[in-house]
C-alpha cells in the first residue's frame, strides 16, 4: 500500500533515501555561499518566510554538525517531534521543554526506527525520518497513533557522549 503524508508535514518522497528499512532526509542547512554551485538560485528573496540566507549568520544559530558520530553504547541527547502520517502530533521534546531527550544507543527502545536513525548522527545534525509501521508502533498502535501507521520523526542531535573505553 502507498502511504500519503499530510501536506502540512512537507514530505516529498523524492527528498528521502532508504536506509535499513526507514527513509531519511538530511535537513542540515547547506553551506551558504550564494551562486557557488547553483547560479539559478541567486534570488534569496523568493517570498518564502525564513528562507532568506542574507538575514542570518548560519554559523550563529545553526552550527555545522561536529564531533563523533553516535554509535552503540553512546548516550545521545536530542530534540524530536513525532507525527502520524496524517499530520497528528504524537510526541515531542523541544527546547521549550527545557531538557532534551536522552537514550543509550544499542538498548531497545520504544521505536526501532528512532534508535536506528540516531545512530550515525553528530552534534548539530538534523534529519527527518519516515518510519514504517514495523519499526514504529506496529499493529498495536499507541495513543493517537493508529495501528500500522507510518510515522514522521524530526530529529536534531544535541550531544553525543561516547561510550566509556573498555581498555582500562
N, C-alpha and C. Protein backbone atom coordinates (compact mmCIF):
# COMPACT_ATOMS: atom_id res chain seq x y z
N UNK A 1 0.83 -1.19 0.00
CA UNK A 1 0.00 0.00 0.00
C UNK A 1 0.87 1.25 0.00
N UNK A 2 0.40 2.27 -0.68
CA UNK A 2 1.10 3.54 -0.73
C UNK A 2 0.59 4.45 0.38
N UNK A 3 1.51 5.04 1.12
CA UNK A 3 1.13 5.95 2.19
C UNK A 3 1.12 7.38 1.63
N UNK A 4 0.11 8.14 2.04
CA UNK A 4 0.01 9.54 1.64
C UNK A 4 0.21 10.38 2.89
N UNK A 5 1.28 11.20 2.88
CA UNK A 5 1.59 12.05 4.03
C UNK A 5 0.84 13.37 3.91
N UNK A 6 0.35 13.86 5.05
CA UNK A 6 -0.36 15.13 5.08
C UNK A 6 0.56 16.23 4.54
N UNK A 7 0.05 17.11 3.69
CA UNK A 7 0.88 18.17 3.12
C UNK A 7 1.52 19.08 4.17
N UNK A 8 0.91 19.20 5.34
CA UNK A 8 1.48 20.07 6.39
C UNK A 8 2.84 19.57 6.88
N UNK A 9 3.16 18.31 6.61
CA UNK A 9 4.43 17.73 7.06
C UNK A 9 5.59 18.05 6.12
N UNK A 10 5.28 18.56 4.92
CA UNK A 10 6.34 18.92 3.98
C UNK A 10 7.15 17.73 3.49
N UNK A 11 6.49 16.61 3.28
CA UNK A 11 7.18 15.40 2.84
C UNK A 11 7.10 15.28 1.33
N UNK A 12 8.25 15.30 0.69
CA UNK A 12 8.37 14.98 -0.73
C UNK A 12 9.24 13.73 -0.78
N UNK A 13 8.65 12.61 -1.10
CA UNK A 13 9.36 11.33 -1.02
C UNK A 13 10.63 11.32 -1.87
N UNK A 14 10.71 12.18 -2.87
CA UNK A 14 11.90 12.26 -3.71
C UNK A 14 13.11 12.76 -2.93
N UNK A 15 12.88 13.45 -1.80
CA UNK A 15 13.97 14.00 -0.98
C UNK A 15 14.57 12.98 -0.02
N UNK A 16 14.00 11.79 0.07
CA UNK A 16 14.40 10.80 1.06
C UNK A 16 15.16 9.65 0.42
N UNK A 17 16.05 9.05 1.20
CA UNK A 17 16.76 7.86 0.76
C UNK A 17 16.48 6.73 1.75
N UNK A 18 16.42 5.53 1.24
CA UNK A 18 16.15 4.37 2.08
C UNK A 18 17.41 3.98 2.84
N UNK A 19 17.23 3.66 4.12
CA UNK A 19 18.35 3.26 4.95
C UNK A 19 17.87 2.28 6.01
N UNK A 20 18.12 1.01 5.80
CA UNK A 20 17.79 0.00 6.79
C UNK A 20 16.32 -0.10 7.15
N UNK A 21 15.46 0.12 6.19
CA UNK A 21 14.03 -0.03 6.44
C UNK A 21 13.30 1.26 6.71
N UNK A 22 14.03 2.36 6.96
CA UNK A 22 13.41 3.66 7.14
C UNK A 22 13.84 4.55 5.97
N UNK A 23 13.22 5.69 5.86
CA UNK A 23 13.58 6.66 4.82
C UNK A 23 14.04 7.92 5.52
N UNK A 24 15.21 8.46 5.11
CA UNK A 24 15.75 9.63 5.79
C UNK A 24 16.00 10.78 4.82
N UNK A 25 15.84 11.98 5.37
CA UNK A 25 16.19 13.20 4.64
C UNK A 25 17.14 13.98 5.54
N UNK A 26 18.27 14.36 5.00
CA UNK A 26 19.23 15.19 5.72
C UNK A 26 18.70 16.61 5.71
N UNK A 27 18.41 17.15 6.89
CA UNK A 27 17.86 18.51 6.99
C UNK A 27 18.89 19.53 7.41
N UNK A 28 20.18 19.18 7.35
CA UNK A 28 21.22 20.15 7.68
C UNK A 28 21.21 21.24 6.62
N UNK A 29 21.45 22.46 7.06
CA UNK A 29 21.48 23.58 6.13
C UNK A 29 22.73 23.48 5.27
N UNK A 30 22.59 23.72 3.97
CA UNK A 30 23.79 23.70 3.12
C UNK A 30 24.66 24.91 3.44
N UNK A 31 25.94 24.83 3.05
CA UNK A 31 26.81 25.98 3.21
C UNK A 31 26.21 27.15 2.46
N UNK A 32 26.19 28.30 3.10
CA UNK A 32 25.61 29.50 2.48
C UNK A 32 26.69 30.21 1.68
N UNK A 33 26.78 29.90 0.40
CA UNK A 33 27.72 30.55 -0.49
C UNK A 33 26.97 30.87 -1.77
N UNK A 34 26.26 32.01 -1.80
CA UNK A 34 25.38 32.33 -2.93
C UNK A 34 26.08 32.22 -4.27
N UNK A 35 25.46 31.48 -5.17
CA UNK A 35 25.94 31.38 -6.53
C UNK A 35 27.09 30.43 -6.74
N UNK A 36 27.57 29.76 -5.69
CA UNK A 36 28.75 28.92 -5.88
C UNK A 36 28.46 27.67 -6.70
N UNK A 37 27.32 27.03 -6.48
CA UNK A 37 27.04 25.80 -7.21
C UNK A 37 25.74 25.84 -7.98
N UNK A 38 24.84 26.76 -7.63
CA UNK A 38 23.54 26.82 -8.28
C UNK A 38 23.26 28.25 -8.72
N UNK A 39 23.80 28.65 -9.88
CA UNK A 39 23.62 30.02 -10.32
C UNK A 39 22.16 30.38 -10.58
N UNK A 40 21.30 29.40 -10.75
CA UNK A 40 19.89 29.68 -10.97
C UNK A 40 19.16 30.04 -9.70
N UNK A 41 19.82 30.02 -8.57
CA UNK A 41 19.17 30.31 -7.29
C UNK A 41 19.80 31.54 -6.66
N UNK A 42 19.94 32.62 -7.48
CA UNK A 42 20.62 33.81 -7.00
C UNK A 42 19.70 34.73 -6.21
N UNK A 43 18.39 34.59 -6.31
CA UNK A 43 17.44 35.49 -5.64
C UNK A 43 17.00 34.89 -4.31
N UNK A 44 17.61 35.30 -3.18
CA UNK A 44 17.21 34.73 -1.90
C UNK A 44 15.85 35.23 -1.45
N UNK A 45 15.34 36.32 -2.03
CA UNK A 45 14.05 36.87 -1.63
C UNK A 45 12.91 36.26 -2.42
N UNK A 46 12.67 34.96 -2.28
CA UNK A 46 11.63 34.29 -3.05
C UNK A 46 10.27 34.34 -2.39
N UNK A 47 10.15 35.10 -1.31
CA UNK A 47 8.86 35.23 -0.65
C UNK A 47 8.55 34.11 0.32
N UNK A 48 9.48 33.18 0.47
CA UNK A 48 9.27 32.06 1.39
C UNK A 48 9.79 32.47 2.76
N UNK A 49 8.93 32.54 3.78
CA UNK A 49 9.39 33.01 5.10
C UNK A 49 10.52 32.15 5.64
N UNK A 50 11.54 32.81 6.17
CA UNK A 50 12.63 32.09 6.80
C UNK A 50 13.65 31.51 5.83
N UNK A 51 13.49 31.77 4.53
CA UNK A 51 14.39 31.18 3.54
C UNK A 51 15.46 32.14 3.06
N UNK A 52 15.53 33.35 3.62
CA UNK A 52 16.47 34.33 3.15
C UNK A 52 17.80 34.18 3.89
N UNK A 53 18.81 33.57 3.24
CA UNK A 53 20.08 33.34 3.93
C UNK A 53 20.80 34.63 4.28
N UNK A 54 20.42 35.76 3.67
CA UNK A 54 21.05 37.02 3.99
C UNK A 54 20.62 37.59 5.32
N UNK A 55 19.58 37.05 5.93
CA UNK A 55 19.05 37.59 7.18
C UNK A 55 19.69 36.99 8.41
N UNK A 56 20.54 36.01 8.25
CA UNK A 56 21.10 35.36 9.43
C UNK A 56 22.49 34.85 9.15
N UNK A 57 23.24 34.64 10.21
CA UNK A 57 24.56 34.05 10.11
C UNK A 57 24.40 32.56 10.36
N UNK A 58 24.57 31.69 9.34
CA UNK A 58 24.32 30.27 9.54
C UNK A 58 25.20 29.64 10.61
N UNK A 59 26.34 30.23 10.91
CA UNK A 59 27.20 29.68 11.93
C UNK A 59 26.76 30.06 13.34
N UNK A 60 25.85 31.02 13.45
CA UNK A 60 25.45 31.50 14.76
C UNK A 60 24.41 30.61 15.42
N UNK A 61 23.29 30.36 14.74
CA UNK A 61 22.21 29.57 15.32
C UNK A 61 22.20 28.13 14.84
N UNK A 62 22.79 27.85 13.71
CA UNK A 62 22.75 26.52 13.12
C UNK A 62 24.17 26.03 12.89
N UNK A 63 24.85 25.57 13.95
CA UNK A 63 26.23 25.14 13.78
C UNK A 63 26.33 23.93 12.87
N UNK A 64 27.46 23.82 12.20
CA UNK A 64 27.73 22.64 11.38
C UNK A 64 27.80 21.42 12.29
N UNK A 65 27.33 20.28 11.82
CA UNK A 65 27.48 19.06 12.62
C UNK A 65 28.95 18.84 12.95
N UNK A 66 29.21 18.38 14.18
CA UNK A 66 30.60 18.20 14.60
C UNK A 66 30.71 17.04 15.57
N UNK A 67 31.95 16.66 15.85
CA UNK A 67 32.20 15.62 16.83
C UNK A 67 31.98 14.23 16.28
N UNK A 68 32.06 13.25 17.17
CA UNK A 68 31.94 11.86 16.73
C UNK A 68 30.51 11.49 16.34
N UNK A 69 30.40 10.55 15.42
CA UNK A 69 29.09 10.02 15.05
C UNK A 69 28.60 9.11 16.17
N UNK A 70 27.32 9.19 16.50
CA UNK A 70 26.75 8.37 17.57
C UNK A 70 26.75 6.91 17.17
N UNK A 71 27.11 6.06 18.13
CA UNK A 71 27.15 4.63 17.89
C UNK A 71 26.69 3.85 19.11
N UNK A 72 26.66 2.55 18.99
CA UNK A 72 26.21 1.68 20.06
C UNK A 72 27.01 1.93 21.34
N UNK A 73 26.31 2.07 22.45
CA UNK A 73 26.93 2.32 23.74
C UNK A 73 27.03 3.79 24.09
N UNK A 74 26.84 4.67 23.10
CA UNK A 74 26.87 6.11 23.35
C UNK A 74 25.55 6.57 23.96
N UNK A 75 25.62 7.61 24.76
CA UNK A 75 24.42 8.27 25.25
C UNK A 75 24.20 9.48 24.36
N UNK A 76 22.98 9.63 23.86
CA UNK A 76 22.67 10.75 22.98
C UNK A 76 21.57 11.61 23.60
N UNK A 77 21.72 12.91 23.44
CA UNK A 77 20.70 13.88 23.84
C UNK A 77 20.20 14.53 22.56
N UNK A 78 18.89 14.62 22.39
CA UNK A 78 18.34 15.08 21.11
C UNK A 78 16.96 15.70 21.29
N UNK A 79 16.62 16.59 20.38
CA UNK A 79 15.27 17.14 20.28
C UNK A 79 14.54 16.33 19.23
N UNK A 80 13.22 16.21 19.37
CA UNK A 80 12.46 15.49 18.35
C UNK A 80 11.01 15.95 18.34
N UNK A 81 10.39 15.74 17.22
CA UNK A 81 8.95 15.90 17.06
C UNK A 81 8.47 14.67 16.31
N UNK A 82 7.39 14.07 16.77
CA UNK A 82 6.84 12.88 16.13
C UNK A 82 5.43 13.14 15.64
N UNK A 83 5.16 12.73 14.42
CA UNK A 83 3.85 12.91 13.80
C UNK A 83 3.38 11.60 13.19
N UNK A 84 2.08 11.38 13.20
CA UNK A 84 1.47 10.31 12.43
C UNK A 84 1.42 10.80 10.98
N UNK A 85 1.40 9.91 10.02
CA UNK A 85 1.40 10.28 8.60
C UNK A 85 0.32 11.28 8.23
N UNK A 86 -0.78 11.34 9.00
CA UNK A 86 -1.87 12.27 8.70
C UNK A 86 -1.67 13.65 9.30
N UNK A 87 -0.49 13.88 9.92
CA UNK A 87 -0.16 15.19 10.48
C UNK A 87 -0.43 15.32 11.97
N UNK A 88 -1.04 14.30 12.58
CA UNK A 88 -1.34 14.35 14.00
C UNK A 88 -0.05 14.22 14.81
N UNK A 89 0.26 15.22 15.68
CA UNK A 89 1.45 15.06 16.53
C UNK A 89 1.19 14.01 17.59
N UNK A 90 2.22 13.17 17.87
CA UNK A 90 2.03 12.17 18.91
C UNK A 90 3.03 12.31 20.06
N UNK A 91 4.13 13.02 19.84
CA UNK A 91 5.09 13.21 20.92
C UNK A 91 6.12 14.24 20.47
N UNK A 92 6.75 14.91 21.43
CA UNK A 92 7.79 15.88 21.10
C UNK A 92 8.61 16.18 22.34
N UNK A 93 9.82 16.56 22.10
CA UNK A 93 10.70 17.12 23.12
C UNK A 93 11.44 18.23 22.40
N UNK A 94 11.14 19.47 22.74
CA UNK A 94 11.71 20.64 22.07
C UNK A 94 12.42 21.51 23.11
N UNK A 95 13.18 22.51 22.66
CA UNK A 95 13.85 23.39 23.60
C UNK A 95 12.90 24.03 24.62
N UNK A 96 11.64 24.22 24.26
CA UNK A 96 10.66 24.78 25.20
C UNK A 96 10.46 23.85 26.40
N UNK A 97 10.77 22.57 26.25
CA UNK A 97 10.63 21.61 27.35
C UNK A 97 11.79 21.68 28.33
N UNK A 98 12.85 22.38 27.99
CA UNK A 98 13.98 22.55 28.88
C UNK A 98 15.13 21.60 28.62
N UNK A 99 14.92 20.32 28.78
CA UNK A 99 15.98 19.33 28.62
C UNK A 99 15.68 18.43 27.42
N UNK A 100 16.72 18.11 26.63
CA UNK A 100 16.49 17.19 25.50
C UNK A 100 16.24 15.77 25.98
N UNK A 101 15.68 14.97 25.10
CA UNK A 101 15.50 13.54 25.37
C UNK A 101 16.88 12.89 25.40
N UNK A 102 17.00 11.78 26.12
CA UNK A 102 18.27 11.06 26.21
C UNK A 102 18.02 9.57 26.03
N UNK A 103 18.91 8.92 25.30
CA UNK A 103 18.84 7.47 25.10
C UNK A 103 20.24 6.88 25.10
N UNK A 104 20.32 5.64 25.52
CA UNK A 104 21.54 4.86 25.39
C UNK A 104 21.39 4.04 24.11
N UNK A 105 22.23 4.32 23.12
CA UNK A 105 22.12 3.59 21.85
C UNK A 105 22.57 2.15 22.02
N UNK A 106 21.86 1.26 21.37
CA UNK A 106 22.16 -0.16 21.44
C UNK A 106 21.24 -0.90 22.40
N UNK A 107 20.43 -0.17 23.15
CA UNK A 107 19.46 -0.77 24.06
C UNK A 107 18.08 -0.58 23.43
N UNK A 108 17.31 -1.64 23.26
CA UNK A 108 15.99 -1.49 22.63
C UNK A 108 15.15 -0.42 23.31
N UNK A 109 14.51 0.39 22.48
CA UNK A 109 13.66 1.46 22.99
C UNK A 109 12.27 1.37 22.41
N UNK A 110 11.54 2.46 22.51
CA UNK A 110 10.15 2.43 22.07
C UNK A 110 9.96 2.28 20.56
N UNK A 111 10.90 2.82 19.77
CA UNK A 111 10.79 2.77 18.31
C UNK A 111 12.12 2.33 17.71
N UNK A 112 12.11 1.22 16.99
CA UNK A 112 13.33 0.78 16.32
C UNK A 112 13.84 1.81 15.34
N UNK A 113 12.92 2.48 14.64
CA UNK A 113 13.32 3.48 13.66
C UNK A 113 14.03 4.66 14.28
N UNK A 114 13.65 5.03 15.50
CA UNK A 114 14.29 6.15 16.18
C UNK A 114 15.73 5.80 16.55
N UNK A 115 15.93 4.66 17.17
CA UNK A 115 17.28 4.26 17.57
C UNK A 115 18.18 4.11 16.35
N UNK A 116 17.63 3.53 15.29
CA UNK A 116 18.39 3.30 14.07
C UNK A 116 18.86 4.62 13.47
N UNK A 117 18.02 5.61 13.47
CA UNK A 117 18.39 6.85 12.79
C UNK A 117 19.15 7.82 13.66
N UNK A 118 19.15 7.66 14.96
CA UNK A 118 20.04 8.45 15.81
C UNK A 118 21.48 7.98 15.66
N UNK A 119 21.63 6.68 15.36
CA UNK A 119 22.96 6.12 15.14
C UNK A 119 23.57 6.77 13.90
N UNK A 120 24.78 7.27 14.05
CA UNK A 120 25.47 7.92 12.93
C UNK A 120 25.31 9.42 12.92
N UNK A 121 24.39 9.97 13.69
CA UNK A 121 24.23 11.42 13.74
C UNK A 121 25.34 12.03 14.59
N UNK A 122 25.69 13.27 14.26
CA UNK A 122 26.68 14.02 15.04
C UNK A 122 25.99 15.24 15.64
N UNK A 123 26.61 15.85 16.63
CA UNK A 123 26.04 17.04 17.25
C UNK A 123 25.75 18.09 16.18
N UNK A 124 24.52 18.59 16.18
CA UNK A 124 24.10 19.58 15.19
C UNK A 124 23.39 18.98 13.99
N UNK A 125 23.47 17.67 13.79
CA UNK A 125 22.77 17.03 12.67
C UNK A 125 21.27 17.15 12.84
N UNK A 126 20.58 17.33 11.72
CA UNK A 126 19.12 17.35 11.68
C UNK A 126 18.65 16.39 10.60
N UNK A 127 17.64 15.60 10.93
CA UNK A 127 17.08 14.65 9.97
C UNK A 127 15.58 14.57 10.13
N UNK A 128 14.93 14.27 9.02
CA UNK A 128 13.52 13.86 9.06
C UNK A 128 13.52 12.39 8.65
N UNK A 129 12.82 11.58 9.42
CA UNK A 129 12.81 10.13 9.21
C UNK A 129 11.38 9.65 9.02
N UNK A 130 11.16 8.87 7.97
CA UNK A 130 9.88 8.22 7.74
C UNK A 130 10.00 6.79 8.24
N UNK A 131 9.20 6.47 9.25
CA UNK A 131 9.30 5.17 9.92
C UNK A 131 8.10 4.31 9.54
N UNK A 132 8.33 3.16 8.91
CA UNK A 132 7.21 2.27 8.56
C UNK A 132 6.65 1.61 9.83
N UNK A 133 5.43 1.09 9.74
CA UNK A 133 4.78 0.50 10.92
C UNK A 133 5.62 -0.56 11.63
N UNK A 134 6.35 -1.39 10.88
CA UNK A 134 7.10 -2.47 11.53
C UNK A 134 8.26 -1.96 12.38
N UNK A 135 8.70 -0.72 12.18
CA UNK A 135 9.74 -0.13 13.02
C UNK A 135 9.18 0.97 13.92
N UNK A 136 7.86 1.15 13.86
CA UNK A 136 7.18 2.12 14.71
C UNK A 136 6.40 1.39 15.79
N UNK A 137 5.11 1.69 15.88
CA UNK A 137 4.27 1.05 16.90
C UNK A 137 3.54 -0.19 16.39
N UNK A 138 3.70 -0.50 15.09
CA UNK A 138 3.16 -1.74 14.53
C UNK A 138 1.67 -1.89 14.68
N UNK A 139 1.20 -3.14 14.78
CA UNK A 139 -0.24 -3.40 14.80
C UNK A 139 -0.93 -2.97 16.10
N UNK A 140 -0.15 -2.67 17.13
CA UNK A 140 -0.78 -2.28 18.40
C UNK A 140 -1.13 -0.79 18.45
N UNK A 141 -0.40 0.06 17.67
CA UNK A 141 -0.62 1.49 17.76
C UNK A 141 -0.23 1.98 19.15
N UNK A 142 -0.48 3.24 19.43
CA UNK A 142 -0.19 3.81 20.76
C UNK A 142 -0.81 5.19 20.86
N UNK A 143 -1.69 5.38 21.82
CA UNK A 143 -2.32 6.69 22.00
C UNK A 143 -3.03 7.13 20.73
N UNK A 144 -2.62 8.30 20.19
CA UNK A 144 -3.25 8.81 18.97
C UNK A 144 -2.72 8.14 17.70
N UNK A 145 -1.71 7.27 17.84
CA UNK A 145 -1.15 6.56 16.69
C UNK A 145 -1.99 5.32 16.42
N UNK A 146 -2.66 5.28 15.27
CA UNK A 146 -3.46 4.09 14.96
C UNK A 146 -2.57 2.88 14.63
N UNK A 147 -3.13 1.70 14.67
CA UNK A 147 -2.36 0.51 14.28
C UNK A 147 -1.81 0.63 12.86
N UNK A 148 -0.61 0.11 12.67
CA UNK A 148 0.03 0.04 11.36
C UNK A 148 0.19 1.39 10.67
N UNK A 149 0.52 2.42 11.46
CA UNK A 149 0.67 3.78 10.91
C UNK A 149 2.14 4.10 10.64
N UNK A 150 2.38 4.77 9.52
CA UNK A 150 3.68 5.35 9.25
C UNK A 150 3.86 6.55 10.17
N UNK A 151 5.12 6.79 10.60
CA UNK A 151 5.44 7.91 11.47
C UNK A 151 6.45 8.83 10.79
N UNK A 152 6.42 10.09 11.18
CA UNK A 152 7.40 11.08 10.71
C UNK A 152 8.10 11.61 11.95
N UNK A 153 9.42 11.47 12.00
CA UNK A 153 10.21 11.97 13.12
C UNK A 153 11.15 13.06 12.63
N UNK A 154 11.12 14.21 13.29
CA UNK A 154 12.08 15.27 13.02
C UNK A 154 13.07 15.25 14.18
N UNK A 155 14.34 15.02 13.87
CA UNK A 155 15.36 14.82 14.89
C UNK A 155 16.45 15.89 14.79
N UNK A 156 16.95 16.30 15.93
CA UNK A 156 18.12 17.18 15.98
C UNK A 156 19.02 16.69 17.11
N UNK A 157 20.25 16.31 16.77
CA UNK A 157 21.19 15.81 17.76
C UNK A 157 21.79 16.98 18.52
N UNK A 158 21.68 16.92 19.85
CA UNK A 158 22.21 17.97 20.71
C UNK A 158 23.60 17.58 21.22
N UNK A 159 23.75 16.34 21.68
CA UNK A 159 25.01 15.92 22.28
C UNK A 159 25.20 14.42 22.13
N UNK A 160 26.44 14.02 21.86
CA UNK A 160 26.81 12.61 21.83
C UNK A 160 27.86 12.41 22.92
N UNK A 161 27.55 11.57 23.88
CA UNK A 161 28.50 11.23 24.94
C UNK A 161 29.04 9.84 24.62
N UNK A 162 30.29 9.77 24.19
CA UNK A 162 30.84 8.46 23.75
C UNK A 162 30.84 7.44 24.87
N UNK A 163 30.69 6.20 24.46
CA UNK A 163 30.74 5.07 25.42
C UNK A 163 32.11 5.07 26.08
N UNK A 164 32.16 4.67 27.35
CA UNK A 164 33.46 4.61 28.02
C UNK A 164 34.37 3.60 27.35
N UNK A 165 35.64 3.89 27.36
CA UNK A 165 36.63 2.97 26.80
C UNK A 165 36.77 1.76 27.70
N UNK A 166 36.71 0.58 27.13
CA UNK A 166 36.81 -0.65 27.91
C UNK A 166 38.25 -1.12 28.08
N UNK A 167 39.22 -0.30 27.71
CA UNK A 167 40.61 -0.72 27.74
C UNK A 167 41.21 -0.68 29.13
N UNK A 168 40.61 0.07 30.07
CA UNK A 168 41.27 0.28 31.33
C UNK A 168 40.78 -0.58 32.38
